[in-house]
Structures are given as C-alpha cells and as structure tokens.
C-alpha atoms as a PDB file:
ATOM      1  CA  MET A   1      14.231 -14.712  16.123  1.00  0.00           C
ATOM      2  CA  THR A   2      11.856 -11.836  16.706  1.00  0.00           C
ATOM      3  CA  LYS A   3       8.319 -11.676  15.345  1.00  0.00           C
ATOM      4  CA  PHE A   4       7.160  -8.634  13.412  1.00  0.00           C
ATOM      5  CA  LYS A   5       4.012  -7.345  11.778  1.00  0.00           C
ATOM      6  CA  ALA A   6       4.482  -5.027   8.824  1.00  0.00           C
ATOM      7  CA  THR A   7       1.775  -3.199   6.935  1.00  0.00           C
ATOM      8  CA  VAL A   8       2.725  -1.952   3.472  1.00  0.00           C
ATOM      9  CA  PHE A   9       0.629   0.797   1.870  1.00  0.00           C
ATOM     10  CA  ILE A  10       0.893   1.049  -1.917  1.00  0.00           C
ATOM     11  CA  ARG A  11      -0.668   3.910  -3.855  1.00  0.00           C
ATOM     12  CA  LEU A  12      -0.560   5.123  -7.432  1.00  0.00           C
ATOM     13  CA  ARG A  13       1.595   8.189  -7.913  1.00  0.00           C
ATOM     14  CA  LYS A  14      -0.357  11.425  -8.147  1.00  0.00           C
ATOM     15  CA  ASN A  15       0.370  11.886 -11.852  1.00  0.00           C
ATOM     16  CA  VAL A  16      -0.881   8.384 -12.792  1.00  0.00           C
ATOM     17  CA  ASP A  17      -4.490   8.093 -13.934  1.00  0.00           C
ATOM     18  CA  ASP A  18      -6.563   5.813 -11.702  1.00  0.00           C
ATOM     19  CA  SER A  19      -9.270   4.503 -14.049  1.00  0.00           C
ATOM     20  CA  PRO A  20     -10.559   1.895 -11.547  1.00  0.00           C
ATOM     21  CA  GLY A  21     -10.687   4.603  -8.865  1.00  0.00           C
ATOM     22  CA  ASN A  22     -12.662   6.861 -11.202  1.00  0.00           C
ATOM     23  CA  ALA A  23     -15.146   4.048 -11.858  1.00  0.00           C
ATOM     24  CA  VAL A  24     -15.617   3.455  -8.113  1.00  0.00           C
ATOM     25  CA  ARG A  25     -15.973   7.232  -7.550  1.00  0.00           C
ATOM     26  CA  ASP A  26     -18.693   7.429 -10.205  1.00  0.00           C
ATOM     27  CA  ALA A  27     -20.540   4.430  -8.764  1.00  0.00           C
ATOM     28  CA  SER A  28     -20.253   5.941  -5.274  1.00  0.00           C
ATOM     29  CA  ARG A  29     -21.842   9.156  -6.528  1.00  0.00           C
ATOM     30  CA  ARG A  30     -24.801   7.156  -7.836  1.00  0.00           C
ATOM     31  CA  LEU A  31     -25.295   5.380  -4.487  1.00  0.00           C
ATOM     32  CA  SER A  32     -24.599   8.234  -2.086  1.00  0.00           C
ATOM     33  CA  ASP A  33     -25.126  11.958  -1.664  1.00  0.00           C
ATOM     34  CA  LEU A  34     -21.497  12.458  -0.636  1.00  0.00           C
ATOM     35  CA  GLU A  35     -19.595  14.980  -2.729  1.00  0.00           C
ATOM     36  CA  ILE A  36     -16.717  12.697  -3.739  1.00  0.00           C
ATOM     37  CA  ASN A  37     -14.341  14.738  -5.878  1.00  0.00           C
ATOM     38  CA  LYS A  38     -11.497  12.273  -6.073  1.00  0.00           C
ATOM     39  CA  LEU A  39     -11.173   8.598  -5.181  1.00  0.00           C
ATOM     40  CA  ARG A  40      -7.983   6.606  -5.628  1.00  0.00           C
ATOM     41  CA  LEU A  41      -7.571   2.910  -5.029  1.00  0.00           C
ATOM     42  CA  GLY A  42      -4.498   1.321  -3.507  1.00  0.00           C
ATOM     43  CA  LYS A  43      -3.248  -1.845  -1.863  1.00  0.00           C
ATOM     44  CA  VAL A  44      -2.553  -2.760   1.737  1.00  0.00           C
ATOM     45  CA  ILE A  45      -0.424  -5.797   2.490  1.00  0.00           C
ATOM     46  CA  ASP A  46      -0.162  -7.249   6.018  1.00  0.00           C
ATOM     47  CA  ILE A  47       2.981  -9.285   6.579  1.00  0.00           C
ATOM     48  CA  TYR A  48       3.712 -11.410   9.644  1.00  0.00           C
ATOM     49  CA  CYS A  49       7.324 -12.517   9.711  1.00  0.00           C
ATOM     50  CA  GLU A  50      10.309 -13.450  11.831  1.00  0.00           C
ATOM     51  CA  ALA A  51      13.758 -11.881  11.585  1.00  0.00           C
ATOM     52  CA  PRO A  52      16.889 -11.627  13.727  1.00  0.00           C
ATOM     53  CA  ASP A  53      16.199  -7.925  14.439  1.00  0.00           C
ATOM     54  CA  MET A  54      14.227  -4.864  13.293  1.00  0.00           C
ATOM     55  CA  GLU A  55      17.027  -3.605  11.021  1.00  0.00           C
ATOM     56  CA  TYR A  56      17.104  -6.873   9.079  1.00  0.00           C
ATOM     57  CA  ALA A  57      13.301  -6.991   8.830  1.00  0.00           C
ATOM     58  CA  ILE A  58      13.212  -3.451   7.417  1.00  0.00           C
ATOM     59  CA  LYS A  59      15.978  -4.209   4.907  1.00  0.00           C
ATOM     60  CA  GLU A  60      14.119  -7.268   3.612  1.00  0.00           C
ATOM     61  CA  LEU A  61      10.787  -5.415   3.576  1.00  0.00           C
ATOM     62  CA  HIS A  62      12.331  -2.739   1.343  1.00  0.00           C
ATOM     63  CA  LEU A  63      13.732  -5.408  -0.983  1.00  0.00           C
ATOM     64  CA  LEU A  64      10.413  -7.256  -1.303  1.00  0.00           C
ATOM     65  CA  THR A  65       8.329  -4.126  -1.774  1.00  0.00           C
ATOM     66  CA  ASP A  66      10.627  -2.562  -4.374  1.00  0.00           C
ATOM     67  CA  ARG A  67      10.993  -5.759  -6.395  1.00  0.00           C
ATOM     68  CA  LEU A  68       7.705  -7.609  -5.908  1.00  0.00           C
ATOM     69  CA  TYR A  69       4.834  -5.866  -4.124  1.00  0.00           C
ATOM     70  CA  ALA A  70       4.894  -2.429  -5.776  1.00  0.00           C
ATOM     71  CA  ASN A  71       5.350  -1.340  -9.369  1.00  0.00           C
ATOM     72  CA  THR A  72       7.787   1.463  -8.540  1.00  0.00           C
ATOM     73  CA  VAL A  73       7.421   3.008 -11.998  1.00  0.00           C
ATOM     74  CA  MET A  74       3.881   4.090 -11.162  1.00  0.00           C
ATOM     75  CA  GLU A  75       3.353   3.395  -7.438  1.00  0.00           C
ATOM     76  CA  ASP A  76       4.701   4.866  -4.217  1.00  0.00           C
ATOM     77  CA  TRP A  77       4.788   2.905  -1.006  1.00  0.00           C
ATOM     78  CA  ASP A  78       5.239   3.320   2.711  1.00  0.00           C
ATOM     79  CA  TYR A  79       5.053   0.944   5.633  1.00  0.00           C
ATOM     80  CA  GLU A  80       4.572   0.514   9.355  1.00  0.00           C
ATOM     81  CA  ILE A  81       6.396  -2.220  11.227  1.00  0.00           C
ATOM     82  CA  GLU A  82       6.166  -3.347  14.820  1.00  0.00           C
ATOM     83  CA  GLU A  83       7.501  -6.095  16.991  1.00  0.00           C
ATOM     84  CA  ILE A  84       4.801  -8.479  18.161  1.00  0.00           C
END
C-alpha cells in the first residue's frame, strides 16, 4: 500500500449567494481599511490515506467528494494529491 495526502478544495458556485461570506466581508470592512469587494467562504479537507496506487486513490477521492464532502448542486471542487 502507498500513502497519500489529498487536499480537497470546495467552493460555492459563482451563481450561488454566499450569505455567510457576505457577513464576514462586512465584518472585515468594519475591522480593516482593506477594500474588500467580494469574500466567499469555502472548505478545505486534508485527507491522509493508503491505497494500492495513485489511480485507485483518485477514483475513491472522486467518489467520496461527489457523494459526501461536496454538495454538487451548489458547490464545485478540486483537489491536489501527492504520495507521501
């Protein structure tokens, strides 16, 4: 078995309203002088796993992300994976 580290990045689709992100943007404007025009929140998931090979690890990562980690109706996702 080979050890892998995968990082999954999950973000709301551009056409989905991000009410929590808007609230954080507004609070940021009150605390800072930065001109923050848009702020969107997302999720990052770090996964440490073992699999027979990279191809199998990627296949299972796709399965888990599409069915469990991301709400694919309103979120897009991408990932990085490396052998460790």
